[in-house]
C-alpha atoms as a PDB file:
ATOM      1  CA  MET A   1      71.567  74.761  47.106  1.00  0.00           C
ATOM      2  CA  LYS A   2      74.289  76.597  48.340  1.00  0.00           C
ATOM      3  CA  ALA A   3      76.234  74.210  45.837  1.00  0.00           C
ATOM      4  CA  TYR A   4      74.386  76.600  43.275  1.00  0.00           C
ATOM      5  CA  GLN A   5      75.167  80.444  44.869  1.00  0.00           C
ATOM      6  CA  GLU A   6      79.011  79.181  44.598  1.00  0.00           C
ATOM      7  CA  VAL A   7      78.566  78.353  41.765  1.00  0.00           C
ATOM      8  CA  PHE A   8      77.329  81.622  40.398  1.00  0.00           C
ATOM      9  CA  ALA A   9      80.283  83.229  42.674  1.00  0.00           C
ATOM     10  CA  PHE A  10      82.169  82.442  40.853  1.00  0.00           C
ATOM     11  CA  CYS A  11      81.566  82.936  37.479  1.00  0.00           C
ATOM     12  CA  LYS A  12      80.398  85.741  38.834  1.00  0.00           C
ATOM     13  CA  MET A  13      84.357  86.368  39.694  1.00  0.00           C
ATOM     14  CA  THR A  14      85.826  84.415  36.959  1.00  0.00           C
ATOM     15  CA  PHE A  15      83.557  86.083  33.654  1.00  0.00           C
ATOM     16  CA  SER A  16      81.786  89.711  32.696  1.00  0.00           C
ATOM     17  CA  PRO A  17      78.800  90.456  34.486  1.00  0.00           C
ATOM     18  CA  GLU A  18      76.851  90.083  30.561  1.00  0.00           C
ATOM     19  CA  ASN A  19      77.880  85.928  30.480  1.00  0.00           C
ATOM     20  CA  ALA A  20      78.218  85.037  34.106  1.00  0.00           C
ATOM     21  CA  GLY A  21      74.144  84.691  34.368  1.00  0.00           C
ATOM     22  CA  TYR A  22      74.945  82.085  31.709  1.00  0.00           C
ATOM     23  CA  ILE A  23      77.859  80.754  32.424  1.00  0.00           C
ATOM     24  CA  ALA A  24      76.854  79.270  35.641  1.00  0.00           C
ATOM     25  CA  ARG A  25      73.466  78.248  34.278  1.00  0.00           C
ATOM     26  CA  ASP A  26      75.416  76.416  32.432  1.00  0.00           C
ATOM     27  CA  ALA A  27      77.383  74.897  34.598  1.00  0.00           C
ATOM     28  CA  ILE A  28      74.971  73.501  36.983  1.00  0.00           C
ATOM     29  CA  GLY A  29      72.916  71.825  33.970  1.00  0.00           C
ATOM     30  CA  GLU A  30      76.827  70.013  33.246  1.00  0.00           C
ATOM     31  CA  LEU A  31      76.814  69.206  36.886  1.00  0.00           C
ATOM     32  CA  CYS A  32      73.049  67.267  36.884  1.00  0.00           C
ATOM     33  CA  LYS A  33      74.471  64.968  33.794  1.00  0.00           C
ATOM     34  CA  HIS A  34      75.965  63.735  37.037  1.00  0.00           C
ATOM     35  CA  LYS A  35      74.306  61.244  39.475  1.00  0.00           C
ATOM     36  CA  PHE A  36      74.304  63.044  42.216  1.00  0.00           C
ATOM     37  CA  GLU A  37      72.409  63.885  45.529  1.00  0.00           C
ATOM     38  CA  LEU A  38      70.809  67.087  46.765  1.00  0.00           C
ATOM     39  CA  MET A  39      70.487  67.822  50.638  1.00  0.00           C
ATOM     40  CA  GLY A  40      68.288  70.443  51.966  1.00  0.00           C
ATOM     41  CA  LEU A  41      69.569  72.728  54.764  1.00  0.00           C
ATOM     42  CA  LEU A  42      70.364  72.165  58.421  1.00  0.00           C
ATOM     43  CA  THR A  43      67.935  72.129  60.490  1.00  0.00           C
ATOM     44  CA  ARG A  44      68.344  74.310  64.022  1.00  0.00           C
ATOM     45  CA  MET A  45      68.402  70.786  66.115  1.00  0.00           C
ATOM     46  CA  GLU A  46      71.047  69.413  63.838  1.00  0.00           C
ATOM     47  CA  ARG A  47      73.223  72.467  64.070  1.00  0.00           C
ATOM     48  CA  LEU A  48      72.815  71.957  67.687  1.00  0.00           C
ATOM     49  CA  ILE A  49      74.131  68.817  68.266  1.00  0.00           C
ATOM     50  CA  TYR A  50      77.010  68.341  65.363  1.00  0.00           C
ATOM     51  CA  LYS A  51      78.631  71.720  65.824  1.00  0.00           C
ATOM     52  CA  ARG A  52      81.015  70.328  68.801  1.00  0.00           C
ATOM     53  CA  ASN A  53      81.483  67.632  66.161  1.00  0.00           C
ATOM     54  CA  PHE A  54      83.194  70.400  63.221  1.00  0.00           C
ATOM     55  CA  VAL A  55      85.126  72.659  65.438  1.00  0.00           C
ATOM     56  CA  LEU A  56      86.027  75.697  62.133  1.00  0.00           C
ATOM     57  CA  ASP A  57      88.777  78.602  61.934  1.00  0.00           C
ATOM     58  CA  ASP A  58      85.889  79.423  59.426  1.00  0.00           C
ATOM     59  CA  SER A  59      82.039  79.216  61.623  1.00  0.00           C
ATOM     60  CA  THR A  60      80.295  80.002  58.136  1.00  0.00           C
ATOM     61  CA  ASP A  61      82.030  77.092  57.592  1.00  0.00           C
ATOM     62  CA  GLN A  62      80.711  74.409  60.057  1.00  0.00           C
ATOM     63  CA  PRO A  63      77.793  73.974  58.569  1.00  0.00           C
ATOM     64  CA  HIS A  64      79.123  72.544  55.484  1.00  0.00           C
ATOM     65  CA  ALA A  65      81.028  69.603  56.942  1.00  0.00           C
ATOM     66  CA  ILE A  66      77.515  68.927  59.681  1.00  0.00           C
ATOM     67  CA  ALA A  67      75.748  68.614  56.375  1.00  0.00           C
ATOM     68  CA  ALA A  68      78.575  65.931  55.158  1.00  0.00           C
ATOM     69  CA  TYR A  69      78.850  64.123  57.427  1.00  0.00           C
ATOM     70  CA  ILE A  70      75.298  64.066  58.369  1.00  0.00           C
ATOM     71  CA  HIS A  71      74.981  62.766  54.802  1.00  0.00           C
ATOM     72  CA  HIS A  72      77.666  60.158  54.675  1.00  0.00           C
ATOM     73  CA  CYS A  73      79.607  62.423  51.666  1.00  0.00           C
ATOM     74  CA  ASP A  74      82.467  60.767  50.492  1.00  0.00           C
ATOM     75  CA  TYR A  75      84.783  63.673  49.673  1.00  0.00           C
ATOM     76  CA  LEU A  76      84.138  68.098  50.875  1.00  0.00           C
ATOM     77  CA  VAL A  77      85.602  69.495  47.720  1.00  0.00           C
ATOM     78  CA  THR A  78      86.582  72.688  48.414  1.00  0.00           C
ATOM     79  CA  TYR A  79      89.473  75.316  47.787  1.00  0.00           C
ATOM     80  CA  ASP A  80      88.876  76.762  51.286  1.00  0.00           C
ATOM     81  CA  HIS A  81      91.664  75.871  54.438  1.00  0.00           C
ATOM     82  CA  HIS A  82      89.356  75.612  56.946  1.00  0.00           C
ATOM     83  CA  TYR A  83      88.152  72.249  56.289  1.00  0.00           C
ATOM     84  CA  ASP A  84      92.428  70.767  55.746  1.00  0.00           C
ATOM     85  CA  VAL A  85      91.519  69.846  59.957  1.00  0.00           C
ATOM     86  CA  LEU A  86      88.958  67.848  59.304  1.00  0.00           C
ATOM     87  CA  LYS A  87      91.243  65.512  56.880  1.00  0.00           C
ATOM     88  CA  ASN A  88      90.936  62.414  59.574  1.00  0.00           C
ATOM     89  CA  GLN A  89      86.914  62.798  59.042  1.00  0.00           C
ATOM     90  CA  PHE A  90      86.765  63.485  55.168  1.00  0.00           C
ATOM     91  CA  HIS A  91      87.919  63.276  52.133  1.00  0.00           C
ATOM     92  CA  VAL A  92      89.321  66.655  51.702  1.00  0.00           C
ATOM     93  CA  VAL A  93      89.976  68.178  47.844  1.00  0.00           C
ATOM     94  CA  THR A  94      90.096  71.142  45.676  1.00  0.00           C
ATOM     95  CA  PRO A  95      88.344  70.754  42.470  1.00  0.00           C
ATOM     96  CA  THR A  96      91.591  69.698  40.579  1.00  0.00           C
ATOM     97  CA  GLU A  97      91.929  66.311  42.993  1.00  0.00           C
ATOM     98  CA  LEU A  98      89.201  64.871  42.230  1.00  0.00           C
ATOM     99  CA  LEU A  99      88.536  65.168  38.808  1.00  0.00           C
ATOM    100  CA  LYS A 100      92.405  64.038  38.336  1.00  0.00           C
ATOM    101  CA  LYS A 101      90.453  61.042  41.272  1.00  0.00           C
ATOM    102  CA  LEU A 102      88.099  60.578  38.996  1.00  0.00           C
ATOM    103  CA  GLU A 103      89.190  60.666  35.208  1.00  0.00           C
ATOM    104  CA  SER A 104      91.831  57.981  36.266  1.00  0.00           C
ATOM    105  CA  ILE A 105      88.473  55.909  38.083  1.00  0.00           C
ATOM    106  CA  GLN A 106      87.198  55.684  34.808  1.00  0.00           C
ATOM    107  CA  GLY A 107      90.478  55.453  32.007  1.00  0.00           C
ATOM    108  CA  SER A 108      90.980  52.276  35.107  1.00  0.00           C
END
């Protein structure tokens, strides 16, 4: 769910108001053509159990790190450098870095 909001927020900042919603919809449609798993929001108990494992400068980033851990995510894809402190726990990459990695895998 959060990812959809992030896609929309990016489009809203990047494109004209009259086009942002359409572009976000198309971007989400493109994402849905690929294999991925949706995960729900954290429960209160999950936050309490795992919050000490993920100390970040921006506490609003903590639920994303916890969810990535609980759901065994391969990568944290972000432009947010607050996550760099977690590079010993996750592969933290930018969207561009991930796309390059995926392209190299497909080219093999």
